[in-house]
Amino acid sequence: MAIEWYWALAQMLVRTGVDPDDVFDLVDAWMKGKRPVWLRSAVDPATSLVSLVIWGRADDATPLAVYARRVDRDLEVYNAAYLEPDQIAEFEKWEAIRDDD
């Protein structure tokens, strides 16, 4: 499985206040098995686009969500956002009860 994202995405993320390095850190750590992530799915009601939503932490522990879509056997990252306070609470609850064994 390959992870694709385009440099135009980095510029878009900067404009919305998301550090592209945080996104890369999260995806890289997930792919290398260095950090747990919470994989979720979401469906856009307007377009029916099914997305993989990856909740995790950047290297500095900042919680964020990375949005990707499946393209054949690969994933294409198309957006990211820092988690909102209610999402952080939900994520921290998941972190506290998850079982890695």
N, C-alpha and C. Protein backbone atom coordinates (compact mmCIF):
# COMPACT_ATOMS: atom_id res chain seq x y z
N MET A 1 0.85 -1.17 0.00
CA MET A 1 0.00 0.00 0.00
C MET A 1 0.90 1.23 0.00
N ALA A 2 0.59 2.15 -0.87
CA ALA A 2 1.31 3.42 -0.92
C ALA A 2 0.39 4.52 -0.39
N ILE A 3 1.01 5.53 0.17
CA ILE A 3 0.28 6.71 0.62
C ILE A 3 0.68 7.85 -0.31
N GLU A 4 -0.31 8.46 -0.94
CA GLU A 4 -0.04 9.57 -1.86
C GLU A 4 -0.62 10.85 -1.30
N TRP A 5 0.13 11.92 -1.49
CA TRP A 5 -0.42 13.25 -1.26
C TRP A 5 0.37 14.21 -2.11
N TYR A 6 -0.24 15.29 -2.44
CA TYR A 6 0.33 16.22 -3.42
C TYR A 6 0.75 17.50 -2.72
N TRP A 7 1.78 18.13 -3.23
CA TRP A 7 2.32 19.34 -2.60
C TRP A 7 1.29 20.46 -2.57
N ALA A 8 0.35 20.47 -3.47
CA ALA A 8 -0.73 21.46 -3.39
C ALA A 8 -1.50 21.30 -2.09
N LEU A 9 -1.61 20.07 -1.60
CA LEU A 9 -2.27 19.83 -0.33
C LEU A 9 -1.52 20.54 0.79
N ALA A 10 -0.20 20.50 0.76
CA ALA A 10 0.59 21.17 1.79
C ALA A 10 0.28 22.66 1.83
N GLN A 11 0.18 23.27 0.67
CA GLN A 11 -0.13 24.70 0.62
C GLN A 11 -1.53 24.98 1.14
N MET A 12 -2.48 24.11 0.82
CA MET A 12 -3.85 24.27 1.30
C MET A 12 -3.90 24.12 2.82
N LEU A 13 -3.17 23.14 3.35
CA LEU A 13 -3.16 22.94 4.79
C LEU A 13 -2.60 24.15 5.52
N VAL A 14 -1.53 24.72 5.00
CA VAL A 14 -0.94 25.91 5.62
C VAL A 14 -1.97 27.03 5.68
N ARG A 15 -2.74 27.18 4.63
CA ARG A 15 -3.77 28.24 4.61
C ARG A 15 -4.87 28.01 5.64
N THR A 16 -5.09 26.75 6.02
CA THR A 16 -6.13 26.46 7.02
C THR A 16 -5.53 26.30 8.41
N GLY A 17 -4.23 26.54 8.56
CA GLY A 17 -3.60 26.51 9.88
C GLY A 17 -3.05 25.16 10.30
N VAL A 18 -2.98 24.20 9.40
CA VAL A 18 -2.46 22.88 9.71
C VAL A 18 -1.02 22.78 9.19
N ASP A 19 -0.11 22.37 10.04
CA ASP A 19 1.29 22.21 9.65
C ASP A 19 1.42 20.90 8.86
N PRO A 20 1.81 20.97 7.59
CA PRO A 20 1.96 19.75 6.79
C PRO A 20 2.93 18.74 7.41
N ASP A 21 3.91 19.22 8.17
CA ASP A 21 4.84 18.31 8.84
C ASP A 21 4.12 17.45 9.87
N ASP A 22 3.11 18.01 10.54
CA ASP A 22 2.33 17.22 11.50
C ASP A 22 1.61 16.08 10.79
N VAL A 23 1.08 16.37 9.61
CA VAL A 23 0.37 15.35 8.83
C VAL A 23 1.35 14.26 8.41
N PHE A 24 2.50 14.67 7.89
CA PHE A 24 3.51 13.69 7.47
C PHE A 24 3.97 12.87 8.68
N ASP A 25 4.21 13.53 9.82
CA ASP A 25 4.66 12.81 11.02
C ASP A 25 3.67 11.71 11.41
N LEU A 26 2.39 12.06 11.42
CA LEU A 26 1.36 11.09 11.82
C LEU A 26 1.31 9.91 10.86
N VAL A 27 1.23 10.19 9.56
CA VAL A 27 1.13 9.11 8.57
C VAL A 27 2.40 8.26 8.57
N ASP A 28 3.55 8.88 8.66
CA ASP A 28 4.82 8.16 8.67
C ASP A 28 4.92 7.25 9.90
N ALA A 29 4.58 7.78 11.07
CA ALA A 29 4.64 6.97 12.29
C ALA A 29 3.65 5.81 12.23
N TRP A 30 2.47 6.05 11.67
CA TRP A 30 1.48 4.98 11.52
C TRP A 30 2.00 3.89 10.60
N MET A 31 2.52 4.28 9.45
CA MET A 31 2.99 3.29 8.47
C MET A 31 4.17 2.48 9.01
N LYS A 32 4.98 3.08 9.86
CA LYS A 32 6.15 2.39 10.43
C LYS A 32 5.80 1.64 11.72
N GLY A 33 4.54 1.74 12.15
CA GLY A 33 4.11 1.04 13.36
C GLY A 33 4.66 1.65 14.64
N LYS A 34 5.03 2.92 14.60
CA LYS A 34 5.62 3.58 15.77
C LYS A 34 4.59 4.17 16.71
N ARG A 35 3.39 4.40 16.21
CA ARG A 35 2.39 5.10 17.02
C ARG A 35 1.02 4.57 16.66
N PRO A 36 0.18 4.33 17.68
CA PRO A 36 -1.18 3.85 17.38
C PRO A 36 -2.04 4.97 16.80
N VAL A 37 -2.94 4.56 15.95
CA VAL A 37 -3.92 5.50 15.38
C VAL A 37 -5.29 4.86 15.49
N TRP A 38 -6.30 5.69 15.48
CA TRP A 38 -7.68 5.22 15.51
C TRP A 38 -8.23 5.39 14.11
N LEU A 39 -8.44 4.28 13.43
CA LEU A 39 -8.98 4.31 12.06
C LEU A 39 -10.49 4.35 12.12
N ARG A 40 -11.04 5.31 11.42
CA ARG A 40 -12.48 5.50 11.39
C ARG A 40 -12.90 5.68 9.95
N SER A 41 -14.17 5.65 9.71
CA SER A 41 -14.64 5.94 8.35
C SER A 41 -15.70 7.03 8.43
N ALA A 42 -15.84 7.72 7.33
CA ALA A 42 -16.84 8.80 7.24
C ALA A 42 -17.39 8.81 5.82
N VAL A 43 -18.64 9.21 5.69
CA VAL A 43 -19.28 9.31 4.38
C VAL A 43 -19.79 10.74 4.22
N ASP A 44 -19.40 11.39 3.14
CA ASP A 44 -19.90 12.73 2.84
C ASP A 44 -21.32 12.58 2.32
N PRO A 45 -22.30 13.17 3.01
CA PRO A 45 -23.69 13.00 2.58
C PRO A 45 -23.98 13.64 1.22
N ALA A 46 -23.22 14.64 0.84
CA ALA A 46 -23.48 15.32 -0.44
C ALA A 46 -22.92 14.55 -1.63
N THR A 47 -21.76 13.91 -1.43
CA THR A 47 -21.11 13.24 -2.57
C THR A 47 -21.05 11.73 -2.44
N SER A 48 -21.36 11.20 -1.27
CA SER A 48 -21.25 9.77 -0.95
C SER A 48 -19.80 9.28 -0.96
N LEU A 49 -18.84 10.22 -0.92
CA LEU A 49 -17.43 9.85 -0.85
C LEU A 49 -17.16 9.20 0.50
N VAL A 50 -16.65 7.98 0.46
CA VAL A 50 -16.28 7.27 1.68
C VAL A 50 -14.81 7.56 1.95
N SER A 51 -14.54 8.01 3.16
CA SER A 51 -13.18 8.38 3.53
C SER A 51 -12.69 7.54 4.70
N LEU A 52 -11.40 7.32 4.70
CA LEU A 52 -10.73 6.77 5.87
C LEU A 52 -10.27 7.98 6.67
N VAL A 53 -10.63 8.00 7.94
CA VAL A 53 -10.22 9.08 8.82
C VAL A 53 -9.26 8.49 9.84
N ILE A 54 -8.06 9.03 9.88
CA ILE A 54 -7.01 8.54 10.75
C ILE A 54 -6.82 9.55 11.88
N TRP A 55 -7.23 9.17 13.09
CA TRP A 55 -7.00 10.02 14.26
C TRP A 55 -5.74 9.54 14.94
N GLY A 56 -4.84 10.48 15.19
CA GLY A 56 -3.59 10.14 15.84
C GLY A 56 -2.88 11.38 16.31
N ARG A 57 -1.60 11.22 16.60
CA ARG A 57 -0.80 12.33 17.12
C ARG A 57 0.44 12.54 16.27
N ALA A 58 0.77 13.80 16.09
CA ALA A 58 2.01 14.17 15.42
C ALA A 58 3.17 13.91 16.40
N ASP A 59 4.39 14.12 15.95
CA ASP A 59 5.55 13.87 16.80
C ASP A 59 5.53 14.68 18.09
N ASP A 60 4.93 15.87 18.07
CA ASP A 60 4.87 16.70 19.27
C ASP A 60 3.61 16.41 20.10
N ALA A 61 2.92 15.34 19.80
CA ALA A 61 1.72 14.86 20.51
C ALA A 61 0.45 15.64 20.17
N THR A 62 0.49 16.51 19.19
CA THR A 62 -0.70 17.24 18.76
C THR A 62 -1.68 16.26 18.11
N PRO A 63 -2.93 16.20 18.60
CA PRO A 63 -3.91 15.30 17.99
C PRO A 63 -4.50 15.89 16.71
N LEU A 64 -4.57 15.05 15.68
CA LEU A 64 -5.15 15.51 14.43
C LEU A 64 -5.82 14.38 13.68
N ALA A 65 -6.61 14.76 12.69
CA ALA A 65 -7.30 13.82 11.81
C ALA A 65 -6.75 13.99 10.41
N VAL A 66 -6.46 12.88 9.77
CA VAL A 66 -6.02 12.88 8.38
C VAL A 66 -7.09 12.16 7.58
N TYR A 67 -7.52 12.77 6.50
CA TYR A 67 -8.58 12.23 5.65
C TYR A 67 -7.98 11.68 4.36
N ALA A 68 -8.34 10.45 4.04
CA ALA A 68 -7.81 9.81 2.84
C ALA A 68 -8.92 9.04 2.14
N ARG A 69 -8.70 8.80 0.87
CA ARG A 69 -9.64 7.94 0.14
C ARG A 69 -8.83 6.82 -0.50
N ARG A 70 -9.51 5.73 -0.66
CA ARG A 70 -8.86 4.56 -1.26
C ARG A 70 -8.85 4.71 -2.78
N VAL A 71 -7.70 4.46 -3.37
CA VAL A 71 -7.53 4.46 -4.82
C VAL A 71 -6.83 3.13 -5.14
N ASP A 72 -7.62 2.17 -5.62
CA ASP A 72 -7.13 0.81 -5.82
C ASP A 72 -6.59 0.28 -4.49
N ARG A 73 -5.30 -0.05 -4.44
CA ARG A 73 -4.72 -0.59 -3.20
C ARG A 73 -4.02 0.48 -2.38
N ASP A 74 -4.07 1.71 -2.83
CA ASP A 74 -3.35 2.80 -2.18
C ASP A 74 -4.31 3.75 -1.46
N LEU A 75 -3.74 4.65 -0.69
CA LEU A 75 -4.51 5.70 -0.03
C LEU A 75 -4.04 7.05 -0.55
N GLU A 76 -4.97 7.92 -0.81
CA GLU A 76 -4.66 9.28 -1.24
C GLU A 76 -5.12 10.25 -0.16
N VAL A 77 -4.18 10.92 0.48
CA VAL A 77 -4.50 11.89 1.51
C VAL A 77 -5.02 13.15 0.83
N TYR A 78 -6.18 13.64 1.27
CA TYR A 78 -6.73 14.82 0.63
C TYR A 78 -7.05 15.95 1.60
N ASN A 79 -6.95 15.71 2.91
CA ASN A 79 -7.20 16.79 3.85
C ASN A 79 -6.72 16.37 5.23
N ALA A 80 -6.62 17.34 6.12
CA ALA A 80 -6.27 17.09 7.52
C ALA A 80 -6.75 18.26 8.35
N ALA A 81 -6.97 18.00 9.62
CA ALA A 81 -7.41 19.05 10.53
C ALA A 81 -7.00 18.66 11.95
N TYR A 82 -6.73 19.67 12.76
CA TYR A 82 -6.49 19.41 14.18
C TYR A 82 -7.83 19.07 14.82
N LEU A 83 -7.79 18.15 15.77
CA LEU A 83 -9.02 17.74 16.43
C LEU A 83 -9.58 18.88 17.29
N GLU A 84 -10.89 18.96 17.32
CA GLU A 84 -11.60 19.93 18.16
C GLU A 84 -11.63 19.39 19.60
N PRO A 85 -11.87 20.27 20.60
CA PRO A 85 -11.86 19.81 21.99
C PRO A 85 -12.73 18.58 22.28
N ASP A 86 -13.92 18.50 21.72
CA ASP A 86 -14.77 17.33 21.96
C ASP A 86 -14.18 16.08 21.30
N GLN A 87 -13.54 16.25 20.16
CA GLN A 87 -12.89 15.12 19.49
C GLN A 87 -11.66 14.67 20.27
N ILE A 88 -10.92 15.63 20.82
CA ILE A 88 -9.75 15.29 21.64
C ILE A 88 -10.18 14.46 22.84
N ALA A 89 -11.26 14.86 23.49
CA ALA A 89 -11.76 14.10 24.63
C ALA A 89 -12.13 12.67 24.23
N GLU A 90 -12.78 12.53 23.08
CA GLU A 90 -13.16 11.20 22.59
C GLU A 90 -11.91 10.38 22.25
N PHE A 91 -10.94 11.01 21.63
CA PHE A 91 -9.70 10.33 21.26
C PHE A 91 -8.92 9.91 22.50
N GLU A 92 -8.82 10.79 23.49
CA GLU A 92 -8.10 10.45 24.71
C GLU A 92 -8.79 9.31 25.47
N LYS A 93 -10.10 9.27 25.39
CA LYS A 93 -10.85 8.16 26.00
C LYS A 93 -10.48 6.85 25.29
N TRP A 94 -10.43 6.89 23.95
CA TRP A 94 -10.02 5.71 23.18
C TRP A 94 -8.60 5.30 23.54
N GLU A 95 -7.69 6.28 23.64
CA GLU A 95 -6.30 5.97 23.98
C GLU A 95 -6.21 5.28 25.34
N ALA A 96 -7.04 5.70 26.28
CA ALA A 96 -7.00 5.15 27.63
C ALA A 96 -7.51 3.71 27.71
N ILE A 97 -8.42 3.34 26.80
CA ILE A 97 -9.01 1.99 26.91
C ILE A 97 -8.55 1.02 25.83
N ARG A 98 -7.80 1.48 24.86
CA ARG A 98 -7.41 0.58 23.78
C ARG A 98 -6.45 -0.48 24.33
N ASP A 99 -6.44 -1.61 23.66
CA ASP A 99 -5.64 -2.75 24.09
C ASP A 99 -4.73 -3.15 22.95
N ASP A 100 -3.43 -2.95 23.13
CA ASP A 100 -2.46 -3.28 22.08
C ASP A 100 -2.01 -4.72 22.11
N ASP A 101 -2.43 -5.45 23.11
CA ASP A 101 -1.96 -6.86 23.22
C ASP A 101 -2.71 -7.78 22.32
